[in-house]
Amino acid sequence: MAGKSGKAGYPSFKSEGRYDSITYPQEPGFSIRDGKLALSKIGHIRMKMHRPAEGRMKMCTVVRDSGHWYACISVECEARTRTARPSGRHIGIDTGVTSFAVLSDGTRIENPMYLTRSLKKLSRLQKGLSRKKKDSANRKKAKLLVTRVHRAIRNQRADFQHRLSRTIVDQYGAITVEDLKVRNMVRNRHLARSISDAGWGSFLMKLAYKAEEAGRLFEKVPPHGTSQMCSGCGGKVPKSLSVRTHRCPHCGLVLDRDHNAAINILRRSTVGATGSYARGEAALSGPSSNREVPSVRAG
């Protein structure tokens, strides 16, 4: 690599753990034969197929993740739309830290807090890691134990978010959420860990692509003032983050803070609603079906 002087210098040292993946950019370099993955210059490797590779295989990336190996294969195929039950129900979703999400129809999804529940174990393992001699075999083993705990937390969070987003998309025909700037929000050192533990950004991303796949309407609205405005009369009711109950001095409405915000999020939607119903549920067209509460088990 050329330095500031424009001349090439000595190549940098390539450590053993520098890279955790290798990519085969075209199919001749890899193939699947008799249930095995054939990789150029490596050979045939036994594998467990998560699902069959339908379509023309374009690229294969082999990834190492704390002692586990994964092969991610990109394929070219025709776009498919998931068949979902027709629904004329419109919902607003307010994400939070106390509760993971509160829906405008009153449904509350508890926050599983996978990282918080594992902090004691992580603290013990990281303390042991810090005491190991640098570049020693014992330090590598201790580092692997810490990595595996983080991987388990990541997998638990992803599983919870996939289940919840699928349930919401199957139940509602239109979904409105806040357009959160999570990267800016985690700068608050008092809430950064809780926000990262909740994983709002990854949840909204899963919700968005599942809604698009199922032909549902998905919309993001500005988040400013959704907690400070009364969903009953529209008046401004300033409150700090510690105040969890909305009490309107103008119309007398008393409501959970997050439920009030979820209704305001729903009302900011530009999707044409023909009317509003009890606890903030709106119908897109025609009569609303019976209310079904999403049921998701938090790991």
Protein backbone atom coordinates (compact mmCIF):
# COMPACT_ATOMS: atom_id res chain seq x y z
CA MET A 1 0.00 0.00 0.00
CA ALA A 2 1.36 3.43 -0.92
CA GLY A 3 2.13 5.79 1.94
CA LYS A 4 1.91 9.59 2.11
CA SER A 5 5.01 9.86 -0.07
CA GLY A 6 3.31 7.85 -2.82
CA LYS A 7 5.80 4.98 -2.53
CA ALA A 8 4.81 1.47 -1.62
CA GLY A 9 6.02 0.34 1.80
CA TYR A 10 6.42 -3.02 3.44
CA PRO A 11 3.26 -5.17 3.55
CA SER A 12 1.53 -5.15 6.92
CA PHE A 13 1.55 -8.22 9.14
CA LYS A 14 -1.46 -10.48 8.54
CA SER A 15 -2.45 -12.01 11.88
CA GLU A 16 -4.18 -15.36 12.20
CA GLY A 17 -7.53 -13.90 13.24
CA ARG A 18 -7.52 -10.98 10.80
CA TYR A 19 -10.19 -12.43 8.52
CA ASP A 20 -13.27 -14.47 9.43
CA SER A 21 -14.72 -15.01 5.95
CA ILE A 22 -13.86 -15.95 2.41
CA THR A 23 -16.02 -15.26 -0.65
CA TYR A 24 -16.31 -17.22 -3.90
CA PRO A 25 -17.75 -14.63 -6.33
CA GLN A 26 -18.89 -17.07 -9.03
CA GLU A 27 -20.33 -20.57 -9.20
CA PRO A 28 -17.38 -22.44 -10.77
CA GLY A 29 -15.51 -21.86 -7.52
CA PHE A 30 -18.15 -23.65 -5.46
CA SER A 31 -20.99 -26.13 -5.92
CA ILE A 32 -23.27 -28.46 -3.97
CA ARG A 33 -22.81 -32.13 -4.75
CA ASP A 34 -24.38 -35.10 -2.97
CA GLY A 35 -25.25 -33.00 0.07
CA LYS A 36 -21.71 -31.62 0.36
CA LEU A 37 -20.29 -28.19 -0.33
CA ALA A 38 -17.46 -28.33 -2.87
CA LEU A 39 -15.06 -25.38 -2.51
CA SER A 40 -12.21 -24.66 -4.88
CA LYS A 41 -8.75 -25.32 -3.36
CA ILE A 42 -10.40 -26.78 -0.24
CA GLY A 43 -12.44 -29.81 -1.25
CA HIS A 44 -15.79 -31.34 -0.30
CA ILE A 45 -17.22 -30.39 3.10
CA ARG A 46 -20.14 -32.01 4.89
CA MET A 47 -22.90 -29.55 5.74
CA LYS A 48 -26.41 -29.19 7.09
CA MET A 49 -28.70 -27.38 4.66
CA HIS A 50 -30.95 -24.78 6.32
CA ARG A 51 -33.11 -24.71 3.20
CA PRO A 52 -32.55 -25.76 -0.43
CA ALA A 53 -30.81 -23.27 -2.72
CA GLU A 54 -33.57 -22.55 -5.25
CA GLY A 55 -32.48 -20.72 -8.37
CA ARG A 56 -29.12 -20.05 -9.93
CA MET A 57 -26.30 -19.88 -7.38
CA LYS A 58 -24.28 -16.69 -7.82
CA MET A 59 -21.96 -16.29 -4.83
CA CYS A 60 -20.87 -18.19 -1.73
CA THR A 61 -19.40 -16.68 1.45
CA VAL A 62 -17.93 -18.97 4.11
CA VAL A 63 -18.03 -17.34 7.54
CA ARG A 64 -16.33 -18.33 10.80
CA ASP A 65 -18.26 -17.33 13.92
CA SER A 66 -16.67 -18.29 17.26
CA GLY A 67 -15.92 -21.87 16.30
CA HIS A 68 -18.98 -22.30 14.06
CA TRP A 69 -18.82 -22.22 10.27
CA TYR A 70 -21.57 -21.01 7.95
CA ALA A 71 -21.89 -20.95 4.17
CA CYS A 72 -24.10 -18.11 2.90
CA ILE A 73 -25.11 -18.72 -0.72
CA SER A 74 -26.66 -15.96 -2.84
CA VAL A 75 -29.03 -17.16 -5.55
CA GLU A 76 -30.82 -15.48 -8.43
CA CYS A 77 -34.53 -16.30 -8.56
CA GLU A 78 -37.88 -14.70 -9.30
CA ALA A 79 -39.39 -12.53 -6.58
CA ARG A 80 -42.07 -14.28 -4.58
CA THR A 81 -44.87 -12.76 -2.52
CA ARG A 82 -45.91 -14.45 0.71
CA THR A 83 -49.62 -15.23 0.77
CA ALA A 84 -51.08 -13.50 3.82
CA ARG A 85 -54.64 -13.46 5.08
CA PRO A 86 -56.38 -10.25 3.94
CA SER A 87 -56.69 -7.74 6.77
CA GLY A 88 -58.16 -4.25 6.84
CA ARG A 89 -56.75 -3.46 10.26
CA HIS A 90 -54.30 -0.58 10.76
CA ILE A 91 -51.97 -0.45 13.75
CA GLY A 92 -49.49 2.04 15.21
CA ILE A 93 -46.44 0.79 17.11
CA ASP A 94 -44.45 2.66 19.77
CA THR A 95 -41.13 1.03 20.70
CA GLY A 96 -39.65 1.59 24.11
CA VAL A 97 -37.29 0.40 26.83
CA THR A 98 -39.72 -0.42 29.65
CA SER A 99 -41.89 -2.38 27.21
CA PHE A 100 -40.39 -3.52 23.94
CA ALA A 101 -43.42 -2.29 22.01
CA VAL A 102 -46.93 -1.02 22.68
CA LEU A 103 -49.55 -1.19 19.93
CA SER A 104 -52.28 1.40 19.43
CA ASP A 105 -54.95 -1.22 20.20
CA GLY A 106 -53.52 -1.62 23.71
CA THR A 107 -51.40 -4.73 23.16
CA ARG A 108 -48.17 -4.61 25.17
CA ILE A 109 -45.08 -6.62 24.23
CA GLU A 110 -42.72 -7.12 27.15
CA ASN A 111 -39.02 -6.42 26.70
CA PRO A 112 -37.06 -9.72 26.98
CA MET A 113 -33.78 -7.86 27.83
CA TYR A 114 -31.49 -10.69 26.77
CA LEU A 115 -28.28 -8.71 27.32
CA THR A 116 -29.35 -7.46 30.75
CA ARG A 117 -30.21 -10.99 31.86
CA SER A 118 -26.75 -12.21 30.81
CA LEU A 119 -24.71 -9.35 32.32
CA LYS A 120 -23.73 -11.32 35.44
CA LYS A 121 -22.36 -14.20 33.38
CA LEU A 122 -20.66 -11.83 30.93
CA SER A 123 -19.04 -9.89 33.77
CA ARG A 124 -17.56 -13.07 35.24
CA LEU A 125 -16.21 -14.27 31.89
CA GLN A 126 -14.80 -10.88 30.90
CA LYS A 127 -13.08 -10.55 34.26
CA GLY A 128 -11.44 -13.93 33.66
CA LEU A 129 -10.43 -12.83 30.16
CA SER A 130 -8.75 -9.67 31.46
CA ARG A 131 -6.58 -11.76 33.82
CA LYS A 132 -5.18 -14.02 31.10
CA LYS A 133 -1.73 -13.42 29.68
CA LYS A 134 -1.74 -11.73 26.27
CA ASP A 135 -1.39 -14.07 23.25
CA SER A 136 -1.63 -17.14 25.49
CA ALA A 137 -3.70 -20.22 24.72
CA ASN A 138 -5.80 -19.65 27.86
CA ARG A 139 -6.63 -16.12 26.71
CA LYS A 140 -7.87 -17.48 23.37
CA LYS A 141 -10.10 -19.96 25.20
CA ALA A 142 -11.46 -17.24 27.51
CA LYS A 143 -12.10 -14.96 24.54
CA LEU A 144 -14.03 -17.73 22.80
CA LEU A 145 -16.28 -18.19 25.86
CA VAL A 146 -17.14 -14.47 25.90
CA THR A 147 -17.81 -14.52 22.15
CA ARG A 148 -20.17 -17.48 22.49
CA VAL A 149 -22.26 -15.70 25.12
CA HIS A 150 -22.59 -12.66 22.86
CA ARG A 151 -23.56 -14.95 19.97
CA ALA A 152 -26.26 -16.60 22.10
CA ILE A 153 -27.67 -13.17 23.05
CA ARG A 154 -27.65 -12.10 19.39
CA ASN A 155 -29.45 -15.28 18.31
CA GLN A 156 -32.07 -14.95 21.08
CA ARG A 157 -32.78 -11.35 20.10
CA ALA A 158 -33.04 -12.19 16.40
CA ASP A 159 -35.39 -15.12 17.08
CA PHE A 160 -37.67 -12.94 19.23
CA GLN A 161 -37.76 -10.18 16.62
CA HIS A 162 -38.49 -12.59 13.76
CA ARG A 163 -41.39 -14.15 15.68
CA LEU A 164 -42.87 -10.83 16.73
CA SER A 165 -42.54 -9.18 13.30
CA ARG A 166 -44.13 -12.20 11.61
CA THR A 167 -47.05 -12.15 14.06
CA ILE A 168 -47.69 -8.43 13.50
CA VAL A 169 -47.47 -8.69 9.70
CA ASP A 170 -49.88 -11.65 9.66
CA GLN A 171 -52.39 -9.81 11.87
CA TYR A 172 -52.48 -6.30 10.41
CA GLY A 173 -52.93 -4.92 6.91
CA ALA A 174 -51.16 -1.59 7.53
CA ILE A 175 -48.40 -0.84 10.02
CA THR A 176 -47.15 2.58 11.12
CA VAL A 177 -43.99 3.07 13.18
CA GLU A 178 -41.73 5.94 14.23
CA ASP A 179 -38.83 6.89 11.97
CA LEU A 180 -36.24 6.49 14.73
CA LYS A 181 -32.63 7.65 14.39
CA VAL A 182 -31.20 4.92 16.61
CA ARG A 183 -27.59 5.89 15.89
CA ASN A 184 -28.21 9.31 17.43
CA MET A 185 -30.23 7.94 20.34
CA VAL A 186 -27.46 5.61 21.56
CA ARG A 187 -25.27 8.67 22.20
CA ASN A 188 -27.21 9.07 25.44
CA ARG A 189 -24.92 7.19 27.82
CA HIS A 190 -27.75 6.60 30.29
CA LEU A 191 -29.90 4.73 27.77
CA ALA A 192 -27.36 3.41 25.25
CA ARG A 193 -27.15 -0.12 26.63
CA SER A 194 -30.93 -0.48 27.02
CA ILE A 195 -31.54 0.79 23.47
CA SER A 196 -28.90 -1.54 22.04
CA ASP A 197 -30.31 -4.45 24.03
CA ALA A 198 -33.80 -3.82 22.61
CA GLY A 199 -32.51 -3.69 19.02
CA TRP A 200 -35.15 -1.34 17.63
CA GLY A 201 -33.34 -0.83 14.33
CA SER A 202 -33.06 -4.53 13.47
CA PHE A 203 -36.68 -5.14 14.54
CA LEU A 204 -38.04 -2.37 12.31
CA MET A 205 -35.93 -3.65 9.41
CA LYS A 206 -37.39 -7.16 9.82
CA LEU A 207 -40.89 -5.71 10.11
CA ALA A 208 -40.42 -3.64 6.94
CA TYR A 209 -39.22 -6.43 4.65
CA LYS A 210 -41.77 -8.93 5.97
CA ALA A 211 -44.56 -6.38 5.35
CA GLU A 212 -43.32 -5.77 1.81
CA GLU A 213 -43.08 -9.51 1.15
CA ALA A 214 -46.64 -10.06 2.38
CA GLY A 215 -48.06 -7.09 0.46
CA ARG A 216 -48.82 -5.10 3.62
CA LEU A 217 -48.61 -1.31 3.94
CA PHE A 218 -45.65 -0.13 6.03
CA GLU A 219 -44.99 3.52 6.88
CA LYS A 220 -42.56 5.50 9.04
CA VAL A 221 -43.73 8.79 10.52
CA PRO A 222 -41.81 11.59 12.33
CA PRO A 223 -41.39 10.69 16.03
CA HIS A 224 -41.24 14.24 17.39
CA GLY A 225 -43.86 14.94 20.06
CA THR A 226 -45.73 11.63 19.97
CA SER A 227 -45.35 11.24 23.76
CA GLN A 228 -46.07 14.90 24.56
CA MET A 229 -49.35 15.22 22.63
CA CYS A 230 -52.70 14.04 23.97
CA SER A 231 -54.33 11.43 21.77
CA GLY A 232 -57.75 12.49 23.02
CA CYS A 233 -57.84 16.23 22.32
CA GLY A 234 -54.51 16.90 20.60
CA GLY A 235 -53.30 19.24 23.33
CA LYS A 236 -49.66 19.45 24.34
CA VAL A 237 -48.86 17.75 27.66
CA PRO A 238 -45.12 18.05 28.46
CA LYS A 239 -43.70 15.24 30.58
CA SER A 240 -40.28 13.85 31.44
CA LEU A 241 -39.18 10.33 30.52
CA SER A 242 -39.72 9.16 34.11
CA VAL A 243 -43.46 9.95 33.92
CA ARG A 244 -45.06 6.75 32.60
CA THR A 245 -48.74 7.81 32.74
CA HIS A 246 -50.30 10.40 30.44
CA ARG A 247 -52.71 12.74 32.27
CA CYS A 248 -54.26 15.43 30.13
CA PRO A 249 -55.33 18.60 32.01
CA HIS A 250 -57.42 19.70 29.01
CA CYS A 251 -59.73 16.71 28.40
CA GLY A 252 -59.00 14.57 31.47
CA LEU A 253 -57.68 11.56 29.51
CA VAL A 254 -55.60 9.18 31.63
CA LEU A 255 -53.65 6.62 29.62
CA ASP A 256 -50.38 4.74 29.65
CA ARG A 257 -47.67 6.95 28.15
CA ASP A 258 -46.60 4.43 25.47
CA HIS A 259 -50.21 3.57 24.54
CA ASN A 260 -50.94 7.29 24.07
CA ALA A 261 -47.84 7.61 21.85
CA ALA A 262 -48.84 4.57 19.77
CA ILE A 263 -52.25 6.13 19.03
CA ASN A 264 -50.57 9.38 17.99
CA ILE A 265 -48.24 7.42 15.70
CA LEU A 266 -51.24 5.75 14.09
CA ARG A 267 -52.96 9.11 13.51
CA ARG A 268 -49.88 10.54 11.79
CA SER A 269 -50.10 7.88 9.11
CA THR A 270 -50.91 9.05 5.60
CA VAL A 271 -52.67 5.76 4.83
CA GLY A 272 -56.34 6.52 4.24
CA ALA A 273 -58.37 5.31 7.22
CA THR A 274 -62.16 5.39 7.10
CA GLY A 275 -62.60 5.70 10.83
CA SER A 276 -61.08 5.14 14.25
CA TYR A 277 -62.09 2.50 16.74
CA ALA A 278 -61.66 1.81 20.41
CA ARG A 279 -58.11 2.09 21.75
CA GLY A 280 -56.69 3.42 18.52
CA GLU A 281 -57.38 0.62 16.06
CA ALA A 282 -58.44 1.90 12.62
CA ALA A 283 -59.99 0.18 9.63
CA LEU A 284 -58.57 0.72 6.15
CA SER A 285 -61.68 -0.28 4.27
CA GLY A 286 -64.88 -2.02 5.22
CA PRO A 287 -65.80 -3.31 8.68
CA SER A 288 -63.04 -4.32 11.09
CA SER A 289 -62.63 -7.98 11.93
CA ASN A 290 -62.58 -9.24 15.51
CA ARG A 291 -59.53 -8.12 17.42
CA GLU A 292 -56.79 -10.73 17.84
CA VAL A 293 -53.99 -10.04 20.27
CA PRO A 294 -50.53 -11.04 19.00
CA SER A 295 -49.03 -13.73 21.19
CA VAL A 296 -45.23 -13.91 21.24
CA ARG A 297 -43.22 -15.77 23.84
CA ALA A 298 -40.13 -13.86 24.90
CA GLY A 299 -37.57 -16.65 25.03
